[in-house]
């Protein structure tokens, strides 16, 4: 996709979408869905994985109210800024090692 940007036609929302899609396509931004127990320290454990692997958390959404998540659990949608495919592979390896139920959503 090519976008012409000049002073008069800049739409900030569209510009953000273009940048974020480019980052997703080039493995600099990933979205991960993770189901964890809805109890103290569970989120901390997930975030420790990302922190130890130097992935930068951009946003976190919690979803307790969907029927696809068992009672007592929460579905997290986490957007991470990463440094490429190698770091993504490291993240996946560590999530599997810790037996987190997750899905990459790119």
PDB file of N, CA and C in Angstrom:
ATOM      1  N   UNK A   1       0.840  -1.163   0.000  1.00  0.00           N
ATOM      2  CA  UNK A   1       0.000   0.000   0.000  1.00  0.00           C
ATOM      3  C   UNK A   1       0.891   1.235   0.000  1.00  0.00           C
ATOM      4  N   UNK A   2       0.536   2.214  -0.797  1.00  0.00           N
ATOM      5  CA  UNK A   2       1.275   3.468  -0.859  1.00  0.00           C
ATOM      6  C   UNK A   2       0.334   4.583  -0.446  1.00  0.00           C
ATOM      7  N   UNK A   3       0.815   5.485   0.376  1.00  0.00           N
ATOM      8  CA  UNK A   3      -0.001   6.607   0.825  1.00  0.00           C
ATOM      9  C   UNK A   3       0.756   7.896   0.561  1.00  0.00           C
ATOM     10  N   UNK A   4       0.090   8.824  -0.064  1.00  0.00           N
ATOM     11  CA  UNK A   4       0.667  10.139  -0.298  1.00  0.00           C
ATOM     12  C   UNK A   4       0.269  11.028   0.871  1.00  0.00           C
ATOM     13  N   UNK A   5       1.263  11.600   1.517  1.00  0.00           N
ATOM     14  CA  UNK A   5       0.990  12.436   2.679  1.00  0.00           C
ATOM     15  C   UNK A   5       1.554  13.820   2.414  1.00  0.00           C
ATOM     16  N   UNK A   6       0.693  14.799   2.552  1.00  0.00           N
ATOM     17  CA  UNK A   6       1.137  16.186   2.443  1.00  0.00           C
ATOM     18  C   UNK A   6       0.388  16.987   3.496  1.00  0.00           C
ATOM     19  N   UNK A   7       0.670  18.239   3.588  1.00  0.00           N
ATOM     20  CA  UNK A   7       0.094  19.078   4.626  1.00  0.00           C
ATOM     21  C   UNK A   7      -1.410  19.083   4.693  1.00  0.00           C
ATOM     22  N   UNK A   8      -2.101  19.051   3.565  1.00  0.00           N
ATOM     23  CA  UNK A   8      -3.544  19.223   3.577  1.00  0.00           C
ATOM     24  C   UNK A   8      -4.356  17.963   3.719  1.00  0.00           C
ATOM     25  N   UNK A   9      -3.759  16.809   3.469  1.00  0.00           N
ATOM     26  CA  UNK A   9      -4.596  15.612   3.471  1.00  0.00           C
ATOM     27  C   UNK A   9      -4.212  14.596   4.551  1.00  0.00           C
ATOM     28  N   UNK A  10      -3.583  15.032   5.617  1.00  0.00           N
ATOM     29  CA  UNK A  10      -3.196  14.106   6.682  1.00  0.00           C
ATOM     30  C   UNK A  10      -4.389  13.831   7.583  1.00  0.00           C
ATOM     31  N   UNK A  11      -4.762  12.571   7.655  1.00  0.00           N
ATOM     32  CA  UNK A  11      -5.801  12.109   8.565  1.00  0.00           C
ATOM     33  C   UNK A  11      -5.071  11.304   9.642  1.00  0.00           C
ATOM     34  N   UNK A  12      -4.937  11.839  10.854  1.00  0.00           N
ATOM     35  CA  UNK A  12      -4.148  11.158  11.893  1.00  0.00           C
ATOM     36  C   UNK A  12      -4.596   9.721  12.164  1.00  0.00           C
ATOM     37  N   UNK A  13      -5.885   9.454  12.175  1.00  0.00           N
ATOM     38  CA  UNK A  13      -6.373   8.095  12.427  1.00  0.00           C
ATOM     39  C   UNK A  13      -5.919   7.136  11.336  1.00  0.00           C
ATOM     40  N   UNK A  14      -6.003   7.573  10.095  1.00  0.00           N
ATOM     41  CA  UNK A  14      -5.579   6.734   8.990  1.00  0.00           C
ATOM     42  C   UNK A  14      -4.061   6.529   9.018  1.00  0.00           C
ATOM     43  N   UNK A  15      -3.333   7.568   9.358  1.00  0.00           N
ATOM     44  CA  UNK A  15      -1.877   7.473   9.442  1.00  0.00           C
ATOM     45  C   UNK A  15      -1.464   6.449  10.508  1.00  0.00           C
ATOM     46  N   UNK A  16      -2.134   6.471  11.649  1.00  0.00           N
ATOM     47  CA  UNK A  16      -1.859   5.502  12.708  1.00  0.00           C
ATOM     48  C   UNK A  16      -2.140   4.085  12.214  1.00  0.00           C
ATOM     49  N   UNK A  17      -3.251   3.889  11.519  1.00  0.00           N
ATOM     50  CA  UNK A  17      -3.590   2.566  10.986  1.00  0.00           C
ATOM     51  C   UNK A  17      -2.539   2.080  10.000  1.00  0.00           C
ATOM     52  N   UNK A  18      -2.083   2.958   9.136  1.00  0.00           N
ATOM     53  CA  UNK A  18      -1.064   2.587   8.149  1.00  0.00           C
ATOM     54  C   UNK A  18       0.226   2.173   8.847  1.00  0.00           C
ATOM     55  N   UNK A  19       0.642   2.950   9.826  1.00  0.00           N
ATOM     56  CA  UNK A  19       1.877   2.641  10.561  1.00  0.00           C
ATOM     57  C   UNK A  19       1.736   1.317  11.302  1.00  0.00           C
ATOM     58  N   UNK A  20       0.619   1.124  12.010  1.00  0.00           N
ATOM     59  CA  UNK A  20       0.434  -0.097  12.791  1.00  0.00           C
ATOM     60  C   UNK A  20       0.341  -1.333  11.898  1.00  0.00           C
ATOM     61  N   UNK A  21      -0.334  -1.225  10.783  1.00  0.00           N
ATOM     62  CA  UNK A  21      -0.408  -2.370   9.860  1.00  0.00           C
ATOM     63  C   UNK A  21       0.965  -2.701   9.296  1.00  0.00           C
ATOM     64  N   UNK A  22       1.731  -1.692   9.000  1.00  0.00           N
ATOM     65  CA  UNK A  22       3.099  -1.920   8.532  1.00  0.00           C
ATOM     66  C   UNK A  22       3.939  -2.604   9.596  1.00  0.00           C
ATOM     67  N   UNK A  23       3.775  -2.171  10.834  1.00  0.00           N
ATOM     68  CA  UNK A  23       4.518  -2.798  11.939  1.00  0.00           C
ATOM     69  C   UNK A  23       4.095  -4.257  12.123  1.00  0.00           C
ATOM     70  N   UNK A  24       2.800  -4.551  11.979  1.00  0.00           N
ATOM     71  CA  UNK A  24       2.319  -5.929  12.066  1.00  0.00           C
ATOM     72  C   UNK A  24       2.904  -6.781  10.941  1.00  0.00           C
ATOM     73  N   UNK A  25       2.888  -6.251   9.721  1.00  0.00           N
ATOM     74  CA  UNK A  25       3.382  -6.994   8.560  1.00  0.00           C
ATOM     75  C   UNK A  25       4.872  -7.292   8.658  1.00  0.00           C
ATOM     76  N   UNK A  26       5.616  -6.419   9.296  1.00  0.00           N
ATOM     77  CA  UNK A  26       7.071  -6.570   9.365  1.00  0.00           C
ATOM     78  C   UNK A  26       7.546  -7.089  10.731  1.00  0.00           C
ATOM     79  N   UNK A  27       6.611  -7.673  11.488  1.00  0.00           N
ATOM     80  CA  UNK A  27       6.929  -8.313  12.776  1.00  0.00           C
ATOM     81  C   UNK A  27       7.531  -7.372  13.817  1.00  0.00           C
ATOM     82  N   UNK A  28       7.054  -6.146  13.861  1.00  0.00           N
ATOM     83  CA  UNK A  28       7.473  -5.213  14.902  1.00  0.00           C
ATOM     84  C   UNK A  28       6.348  -4.943  15.896  1.00  0.00           C
ATOM     85  N   UNK A  29       5.180  -5.502  15.625  1.00  0.00           N
ATOM     86  CA  UNK A  29       4.022  -5.364  16.496  1.00  0.00           C
ATOM     87  C   UNK A  29       3.266  -6.680  16.413  1.00  0.00           C
ATOM     88  N   UNK A  30       2.906  -7.249  17.568  1.00  0.00           N
ATOM     89  CA  UNK A  30       2.111  -8.479  17.576  1.00  0.00           C
ATOM     90  C   UNK A  30       0.965  -8.326  18.564  1.00  0.00           C
ATOM     91  N   UNK A  31      -0.074  -9.119  18.310  1.00  0.00           N
ATOM     92  CA  UNK A  31      -1.205  -9.186  19.229  1.00  0.00           C
ATOM     93  C   UNK A  31      -1.318 -10.628  19.702  1.00  0.00           C
ATOM     94  N   UNK A  32      -1.450 -10.798  21.004  1.00  0.00           N
ATOM     95  CA  UNK A  32      -1.506 -12.122  21.607  1.00  0.00           C
ATOM     96  C   UNK A  32      -2.762 -12.218  22.461  1.00  0.00           C
ATOM     97  N   UNK A  33      -3.503 -13.300  22.286  1.00  0.00           N
ATOM     98  CA  UNK A  33      -4.649 -13.605  23.134  1.00  0.00           C
ATOM     99  C   UNK A  33      -4.217 -14.708  24.093  1.00  0.00           C
ATOM    100  N   UNK A  34      -4.403 -14.490  25.397  1.00  0.00           N
ATOM    101  CA  UNK A  34      -3.982 -15.452  26.412  1.00  0.00           C
ATOM    102  C   UNK A  34      -5.110 -15.624  27.423  1.00  0.00           C
ATOM    103  N   UNK A  35      -5.386 -16.869  27.781  1.00  0.00           N
ATOM    104  CA  UNK A  35      -6.372 -17.158  28.827  1.00  0.00           C
ATOM    105  C   UNK A  35      -5.614 -17.560  30.080  1.00  0.00           C
ATOM    106  N   UNK A  36      -5.874 -16.823  31.171  1.00  0.00           N
ATOM    107  CA  UNK A  36      -5.179 -17.073  32.435  1.00  0.00           C
ATOM    108  C   UNK A  36      -6.198 -17.146  33.577  1.00  0.00           C
ATOM    109  N   UNK A  37      -5.819 -17.747  34.696  1.00  0.00           N
ATOM    110  CA  UNK A  37      -6.710 -17.731  35.864  1.00  0.00           C
ATOM    111  C   UNK A  37      -6.958 -16.284  36.304  1.00  0.00           C
ATOM    112  N   UNK A  38      -8.177 -16.004  36.691  1.00  0.00           N
ATOM    113  CA  UNK A  38      -8.539 -14.659  37.151  1.00  0.00           C
ATOM    114  C   UNK A  38      -8.255 -14.570  38.647  1.00  0.00           C
ATOM    115  N   UNK A  39      -6.960 -14.458  38.972  1.00  0.00           N
ATOM    116  CA  UNK A  39      -6.534 -14.403  40.365  1.00  0.00           C
ATOM    117  C   UNK A  39      -5.264 -13.566  40.476  1.00  0.00           C
ATOM    118  N   UNK A  40      -4.952 -13.119  41.685  1.00  0.00           N
ATOM    119  CA  UNK A  40      -3.764 -12.294  41.870  1.00  0.00           C
ATOM    120  C   UNK A  40      -2.498 -12.980  41.342  1.00  0.00           C
ATOM    121  N   UNK A  41      -1.629 -12.195  40.784  1.00  0.00           N
ATOM    122  CA  UNK A  41      -0.307 -12.575  40.267  1.00  0.00           C
ATOM    123  C   UNK A  41      -0.325 -13.249  38.899  1.00  0.00           C
ATOM    124  N   UNK A  42      -1.487 -13.634  38.369  1.00  0.00           N
ATOM    125  CA  UNK A  42      -1.520 -14.273  37.052  1.00  0.00           C
ATOM    126  C   UNK A  42      -1.054 -13.318  35.960  1.00  0.00           C
ATOM    127  N   UNK A  43      -1.553 -12.086  35.991  1.00  0.00           N
ATOM    128  CA  UNK A  43      -1.134 -11.096  35.005  1.00  0.00           C
ATOM    129  C   UNK A  43       0.353 -10.797  35.145  1.00  0.00           C
ATOM    130  N   UNK A  44       0.821 -10.732  36.375  1.00  0.00           N
ATOM    131  CA  UNK A  44       2.240 -10.468  36.630  1.00  0.00           C
ATOM    132  C   UNK A  44       3.120 -11.539  35.981  1.00  0.00           C
ATOM    133  N   UNK A  45       2.696 -12.797  36.050  1.00  0.00           N
ATOM    134  CA  UNK A  45       3.468 -13.888  35.450  1.00  0.00           C
ATOM    135  C   UNK A  45       3.552 -13.755  33.934  1.00  0.00           C
ATOM    136  N   UNK A  46       2.442 -13.385  33.315  1.00  0.00           N
ATOM    137  CA  UNK A  46       2.432 -13.195  31.860  1.00  0.00           C
ATOM    138  C   UNK A  46       3.326 -12.025  31.477  1.00  0.00           C
ATOM    139  N   UNK A  47       3.182 -10.917  32.191  1.00  0.00           N
ATOM    140  CA  UNK A  47       3.978  -9.734  31.867  1.00  0.00           C
ATOM    141  C   UNK A  47       5.461  -9.961  32.110  1.00  0.00           C
ATOM    142  N   UNK A  48       5.801 -10.831  33.064  1.00  0.00           N
ATOM    143  CA  UNK A  48       7.209 -11.157  33.311  1.00  0.00           C
ATOM    144  C   UNK A  48       7.830 -11.834  32.093  1.00  0.00           C
ATOM    145  N   UNK A  49       7.061 -12.683  31.420  1.00  0.00           N
ATOM    146  CA  UNK A  49       7.566 -13.326  30.195  1.00  0.00           C
ATOM    147  C   UNK A  49       7.951 -12.260  29.176  1.00  0.00           C
ATOM    148  N   UNK A  50       7.042 -11.320  28.946  1.00  0.00           N
ATOM    149  CA  UNK A  50       7.306 -10.279  27.950  1.00  0.00           C
ATOM    150  C   UNK A  50       8.447  -9.360  28.384  1.00  0.00           C
ATOM    151  N   UNK A  51       8.467  -9.016  29.658  1.00  0.00           N
ATOM    152  CA  UNK A  51       9.527  -8.143  30.163  1.00  0.00           C
ATOM    153  C   UNK A  51      10.893  -8.785  30.075  1.00  0.00           C
ATOM    154  N   UNK A  52      10.977 -10.068  30.447  1.00  0.00           N
ATOM    155  CA  UNK A  52      12.256 -10.774  30.389  1.00  0.00           C
ATOM    156  C   UNK A  52      12.782 -10.896  28.969  1.00  0.00           C
ATOM    157  N   UNK A  53      11.869 -10.906  28.000  1.00  0.00           N
ATOM    158  CA  UNK A  53      12.270 -11.017  26.596  1.00  0.00           C
ATOM    159  C   UNK A  53      12.304  -9.650  25.903  1.00  0.00           C
ATOM    160  N   UNK A  54      12.173  -8.591  26.683  1.00  0.00           N
ATOM    161  CA  UNK A  54      12.300  -7.207  26.220  1.00  0.00           C
ATOM    162  C   UNK A  54      11.259  -6.809  25.161  1.00  0.00           C
ATOM    163  N   UNK A  55      10.042  -7.351  25.305  1.00  0.00           N
ATOM    164  CA  UNK A  55       8.922  -6.937  24.466  1.00  0.00           C
ATOM    165  C   UNK A  55       8.191  -5.814  25.198  1.00  0.00           C
ATOM    166  N   UNK A  56       7.834  -4.770  24.484  1.00  0.00           N
ATOM    167  CA  UNK A  56       7.215  -3.597  25.085  1.00  0.00           C
ATOM    168  C   UNK A  56       5.688  -3.683  24.975  1.00  0.00           C
ATOM    169  N   UNK A  57       4.999  -3.699  26.106  1.00  0.00           N
ATOM    170  CA  UNK A  57       3.536  -3.777  26.116  1.00  0.00           C
ATOM    171  C   UNK A  57       2.953  -2.438  25.669  1.00  0.00           C
ATOM    172  N   UNK A  58       2.144  -2.482  24.606  1.00  0.00           N
ATOM    173  CA  UNK A  58       1.466  -1.285  24.103  1.00  0.00           C
ATOM    174  C   UNK A  58       0.063  -1.143  24.696  1.00  0.00           C
ATOM    175  N   UNK A  59      -0.635  -2.285  24.834  1.00  0.00           N
ATOM    176  CA  UNK A  59      -1.978  -2.236  25.427  1.00  0.00           C
ATOM    177  C   UNK A  59      -2.362  -3.614  25.954  1.00  0.00           C
ATOM    178  N   UNK A  60      -3.287  -3.599  26.924  1.00  0.00           N
ATOM    179  CA  UNK A  60      -3.837  -4.835  27.488  1.00  0.00           C
ATOM    180  C   UNK A  60      -5.345  -4.648  27.640  1.00  0.00           C
ATOM    181  N   UNK A  61      -6.095  -5.638  27.160  1.00  0.00           N
ATOM    182  CA  UNK A  61      -7.540  -5.658  27.365  1.00  0.00           C
ATOM    183  C   UNK A  61      -7.888  -6.936  28.128  1.00  0.00           C
ATOM    184  N   UNK A  62      -8.803  -6.824  29.086  1.00  0.00           N
ATOM    185  CA  UNK A  62      -9.280  -7.974  29.853  1.00  0.00           C
ATOM    186  C   UNK A  62     -10.712  -8.281  29.408  1.00  0.00           C
ATOM    187  N   UNK A  63     -11.011  -9.563  29.173  1.00  0.00           N
ATOM    188  CA  UNK A  63     -12.368  -9.960  28.804  1.00  0.00           C
ATOM    189  C   UNK A  63     -12.790 -11.137  29.672  1.00  0.00           C
ATOM    190  N   UNK A  64     -13.633 -10.857  30.658  1.00  0.00           N
ATOM    191  CA  UNK A  64     -14.158 -11.893  31.545  1.00  0.00           C
ATOM    192  C   UNK A  64     -15.572 -12.310  31.145  1.00  0.00           C
ATOM    193  N   UNK A  65     -16.159 -11.598  30.214  1.00  0.00           N
ATOM    194  CA  UNK A  65     -17.599 -11.716  29.980  1.00  0.00           C
ATOM    195  C   UNK A  65     -17.958 -12.419  28.685  1.00  0.00           C
ATOM    196  N   UNK A  66     -17.041 -13.174  28.133  1.00  0.00           N
ATOM    197  CA  UNK A  66     -17.342 -13.927  26.925  1.00  0.00           C
ATOM    198  C   UNK A  66     -17.572 -15.386  27.295  1.00  0.00           C
ATOM    199  N   UNK A  67     -18.430 -16.046  26.558  1.00  0.00           N
ATOM    200  CA  UNK A  67     -18.720 -17.449  26.857  1.00  0.00           C
ATOM    201  C   UNK A  67     -17.578 -18.374  26.442  1.00  0.00           C
ATOM    202  N   UNK A  68     -16.611 -17.861  25.692  1.00  0.00           N
ATOM    203  CA  UNK A  68     -15.479 -18.693  25.276  1.00  0.00           C
ATOM    204  C   UNK A  68     -14.414 -18.832  26.369  1.00  0.00           C
ATOM    205  N   UNK A  69     -14.603 -18.107  27.480  1.00  0.00           N
ATOM    206  CA  UNK A  69     -13.650 -18.170  28.591  1.00  0.00           C
ATOM    207  C   UNK A  69     -14.341 -18.823  29.783  1.00  0.00           C
ATOM    208  N   UNK A  70     -13.740 -19.879  30.349  1.00  0.00           N
ATOM    209  CA  UNK A  70     -14.370 -20.531  31.501  1.00  0.00           C
ATOM    210  C   UNK A  70     -14.501 -19.587  32.696  1.00  0.00           C
ATOM    211  N   UNK A  71     -15.478 -19.845  33.534  1.00  0.00           N
ATOM    212  CA  UNK A  71     -15.659 -19.075  34.765  1.00  0.00           C
ATOM    213  C   UNK A  71     -14.387 -19.207  35.598  1.00  0.00           C
ATOM    214  N   UNK A  72     -13.930 -18.094  36.145  1.00  0.00           N
ATOM    215  CA  UNK A  72     -12.719 -18.103  36.949  1.00  0.00           C
ATOM    216  C   UNK A  72     -11.456 -17.798  36.147  1.00  0.00           C
ATOM    217  N   UNK A  73     -11.623 -17.548  34.852  1.00  0.00           N
ATOM    218  CA  UNK A  73     -10.500 -17.216  33.988  1.00  0.00           C
ATOM    219  C   UNK A  73     -10.773 -15.885  33.297  1.00  0.00           C
ATOM    220  N   UNK A  74      -9.736 -15.304  32.722  1.00  0.00           N
ATOM    221  CA  UNK A  74      -9.864 -14.061  31.988  1.00  0.00           C
ATOM    222  C   UNK A  74      -9.071 -14.190  30.691  1.00  0.00           C
ATOM    223  N   UNK A  75      -9.618 -13.634  29.641  1.00  0.00           N
ATOM    224  CA  UNK A  75      -8.932 -13.602  28.347  1.00  0.00           C
ATOM    225  C   UNK A  75      -8.252 -12.249  28.216  1.00  0.00           C
ATOM    226  N   UNK A  76      -6.955 -12.282  27.987  1.00  0.00           N
ATOM    227  CA  UNK A  76      -6.190 -11.056  27.781  1.00  0.00           C
ATOM    228  C   UNK A  76      -5.914 -10.882  26.300  1.00  0.00           C
ATOM    229  N   UNK A  77      -6.040  -9.674  25.813  1.00  0.00           N
ATOM    230  CA  UNK A  77      -5.608  -9.327  24.467  1.00  0.00           C
ATOM    231  C   UNK A  77      -4.493  -8.311  24.654  1.00  0.00           C
ATOM    232  N   UNK A  78      -3.269  -8.725  24.356  1.00  0.00           N
ATOM    233  CA  UNK A  78      -2.101  -7.900  24.618  1.00  0.00           C
ATOM    234  C   UNK A  78      -1.435  -7.538  23.295  1.00  0.00           C
ATOM    235  N   UNK A  79      -1.175  -6.257  23.111  1.00  0.00           N
ATOM    236  CA  UNK A  79      -0.439  -5.775  21.948  1.00  0.00           C
ATOM    237  C   UNK A  79       0.971  -5.458  22.401  1.00  0.00           C
ATOM    238  N   UNK A  80       1.948  -6.016  21.676  1.00  0.00           N
ATOM    239  CA  UNK A  80       3.352  -5.868  22.041  1.00  0.00           C
ATOM    240  C   UNK A  80       4.162  -5.286  20.897  1.00  0.00           C
ATOM    241  N   UNK A  81       5.067  -4.398  21.238  1.00  0.00           N
ATOM    242  CA  UNK A  81       6.042  -3.923  20.272  1.00  0.00           C
ATOM    243  C   UNK A  81       7.274  -4.817  20.434  1.00  0.00           C
ATOM    244  N   UNK A  82       7.711  -5.423  19.336  1.00  0.00           N
ATOM    245  CA  UNK A  82       8.823  -6.370  19.369  1.00  0.00           C
ATOM    246  C   UNK A  82       9.865  -5.981  18.318  1.00  0.00           C
ATOM    247  N   UNK A  83      10.971  -6.727  18.303  1.00  0.00           N
ATOM    248  CA  UNK A  83      12.078  -6.399  17.408  1.00  0.00           C
ATOM    249  C   UNK A  83      12.201  -7.347  16.227  1.00  0.00           C
ATOM    250  N   UNK A  84      11.170  -8.126  15.945  1.00  0.00           N
ATOM    251  CA  UNK A  84      11.209  -8.989  14.775  1.00  0.00           C
ATOM    252  C   UNK A  84      10.799 -10.419  15.067  1.00  0.00           C
ATOM    253  N   UNK A  85      10.910 -11.242  14.011  1.00  0.00           N
ATOM    254  CA  UNK A  85      10.444 -12.629  14.060  1.00  0.00           C
ATOM    255  C   UNK A  85      11.190 -13.459  15.099  1.00  0.00           C
ATOM    256  N   UNK A  86      12.470 -13.228  15.265  1.00  0.00           N
ATOM    257  CA  UNK A  86      13.247 -13.996  16.241  1.00  0.00           C
ATOM    258  C   UNK A  86      12.717 -13.784  17.659  1.00  0.00           C
ATOM    259  N   UNK A  87      12.392 -12.542  17.985  1.00  0.00           N
ATOM    260  CA  UNK A  87      11.853 -12.249  19.310  1.00  0.00           C
ATOM    261  C   UNK A  87      10.457 -12.862  19.466  1.00  0.00           C
ATOM    262  N   UNK A  88       9.670 -12.846  18.416  1.00  0.00           N
ATOM    263  CA  UNK A  88       8.340 -13.470  18.454  1.00  0.00           C
ATOM    264  C   UNK A  88       8.487 -14.969  18.733  1.00  0.00           C
ATOM    265  N   UNK A  89       9.434 -15.614  18.067  1.00  0.00           N
ATOM    266  CA  UNK A  89       9.674 -17.043  18.307  1.00  0.00           C
ATOM    267  C   UNK A  89      10.077 -17.303  19.748  1.00  0.00           C
ATOM    268  N   UNK A  90      10.903 -16.432  20.313  1.00  0.00           N
ATOM    269  CA  UNK A  90      11.311 -16.570  21.713  1.00  0.00           C
ATOM    270  C   UNK A  90      10.114 -16.434  22.652  1.00  0.00           C
ATOM    271  N   UNK A  91       9.231 -15.504  22.339  1.00  0.00           N
ATOM    272  CA  UNK A  91       8.022 -15.304  23.141  1.00  0.00           C
ATOM    273  C   UNK A  91       7.158 -16.561  23.090  1.00  0.00           C
ATOM    274  N   UNK A  92       6.947 -17.087  21.894  1.00  0.00           N
ATOM    275  CA  UNK A  92       6.136 -18.299  21.757  1.00  0.00           C
ATOM    276  C   UNK A  92       6.753 -19.477  22.518  1.00  0.00           C
ATOM    277  N   UNK A  93       8.054 -19.638  22.404  1.00  0.00           N
ATOM    278  CA  UNK A  93       8.749 -20.719  23.110  1.00  0.00           C
ATOM    279  C   UNK A  93       8.533 -20.613  24.613  1.00  0.00           C
ATOM    280  N   UNK A  94       8.663 -19.409  25.139  1.00  0.00           N
ATOM    281  CA  UNK A  94       8.513 -19.212  26.584  1.00  0.00           C
ATOM    282  C   UNK A  94       7.062 -19.409  27.028  1.00  0.00           C
ATOM    283  N   UNK A  95       6.092 -18.952  26.243  1.00  0.00           N
ATOM    284  CA  UNK A  95       4.686 -19.151  26.588  1.00  0.00           C
ATOM    285  C   UNK A  95       4.342 -20.641  26.598  1.00  0.00           C
ATOM    286  N   UNK A  96       4.864 -21.383  25.617  1.00  0.00           N
ATOM    287  CA  UNK A  96       4.634 -22.836  25.574  1.00  0.00           C
ATOM    288  C   UNK A  96       5.284 -23.517  26.776  1.00  0.00           C
ATOM    289  N   UNK A  97       6.505 -23.099  27.079  1.00  0.00           N
ATOM    290  CA  UNK A  97       7.239 -23.680  28.204  1.00  0.00           C
ATOM    291  C   UNK A  97       6.466 -23.519  29.510  1.00  0.00           C
ATOM    292  N   UNK A  98       5.821 -22.370  29.663  1.00  0.00           N
ATOM    293  CA  UNK A  98       5.055 -22.102  30.886  1.00  0.00           C
ATOM    294  C   UNK A  98       3.614 -22.587  30.794  1.00  0.00           C
ATOM    295  N   UNK A  99       3.289 -23.240  29.687  1.00  0.00           N
ATOM    296  CA  UNK A  99       1.970 -23.851  29.464  1.00  0.00           C
ATOM    297  C   UNK A  99       0.811 -22.853  29.468  1.00  0.00           C
ATOM    298  N   UNK A 100       1.072 -21.633  28.968  1.00  0.00           N
ATOM    299  CA  UNK A 100      -0.003 -20.669  28.805  1.00  0.00           C
ATOM    300  C   UNK A 100      -0.829 -21.043  27.584  1.00  0.00           C
ATOM    301  N   UNK A 101      -2.139 -20.887  27.676  1.00  0.00           N
ATOM    302  CA  UNK A 101      -3.014 -21.098  26.525  1.00  0.00           C
ATOM    303  C   UNK A 101      -3.082 -19.755  25.785  1.00  0.00           C
ATOM    304  N   UNK A 102      -2.480 -19.706  24.593  1.00  0.00           N
ATOM    305  CA  UNK A 102      -2.361 -18.434  23.885  1.00  0.00           C
ATOM    306  C   UNK A 102      -2.592 -18.631  22.383  1.00  0.00           C
ATOM    307  N   UNK A 103      -2.761 -17.496  21.696  1.00  0.00           N
ATOM    308  CA  UNK A 103      -2.894 -17.476  20.249  1.00  0.00           C
ATOM    309  C   UNK A 103      -2.332 -16.155  19.736  1.00  0.00           C
ATOM    310  N   UNK A 104      -1.508 -16.216  18.698  1.00  0.00           N
ATOM    311  CA  UNK A 104      -1.050 -14.993  18.036  1.00  0.00           C
ATOM    312  C   UNK A 104      -2.142 -14.545  17.081  1.00  0.00           C
ATOM    313  N   UNK A 105      -2.451 -13.257  17.072  1.00  0.00           N
ATOM    314  CA  UNK A 105      -3.595 -12.746  16.304  1.00  0.00           C
ATOM    315  C   UNK A 105      -3.210 -11.832  15.149  1.00  0.00           C
ATOM    316  N   UNK A 106      -2.102 -12.039  14.515  1.00  0.00           N
ATOM    317  CA  UNK A 106      -1.747 -11.181  13.385  1.00  0.00           C
ATOM    318  C   UNK A 106      -2.496 -11.631  12.217  1.00  0.00           C
TER     319      UNK A 106
END
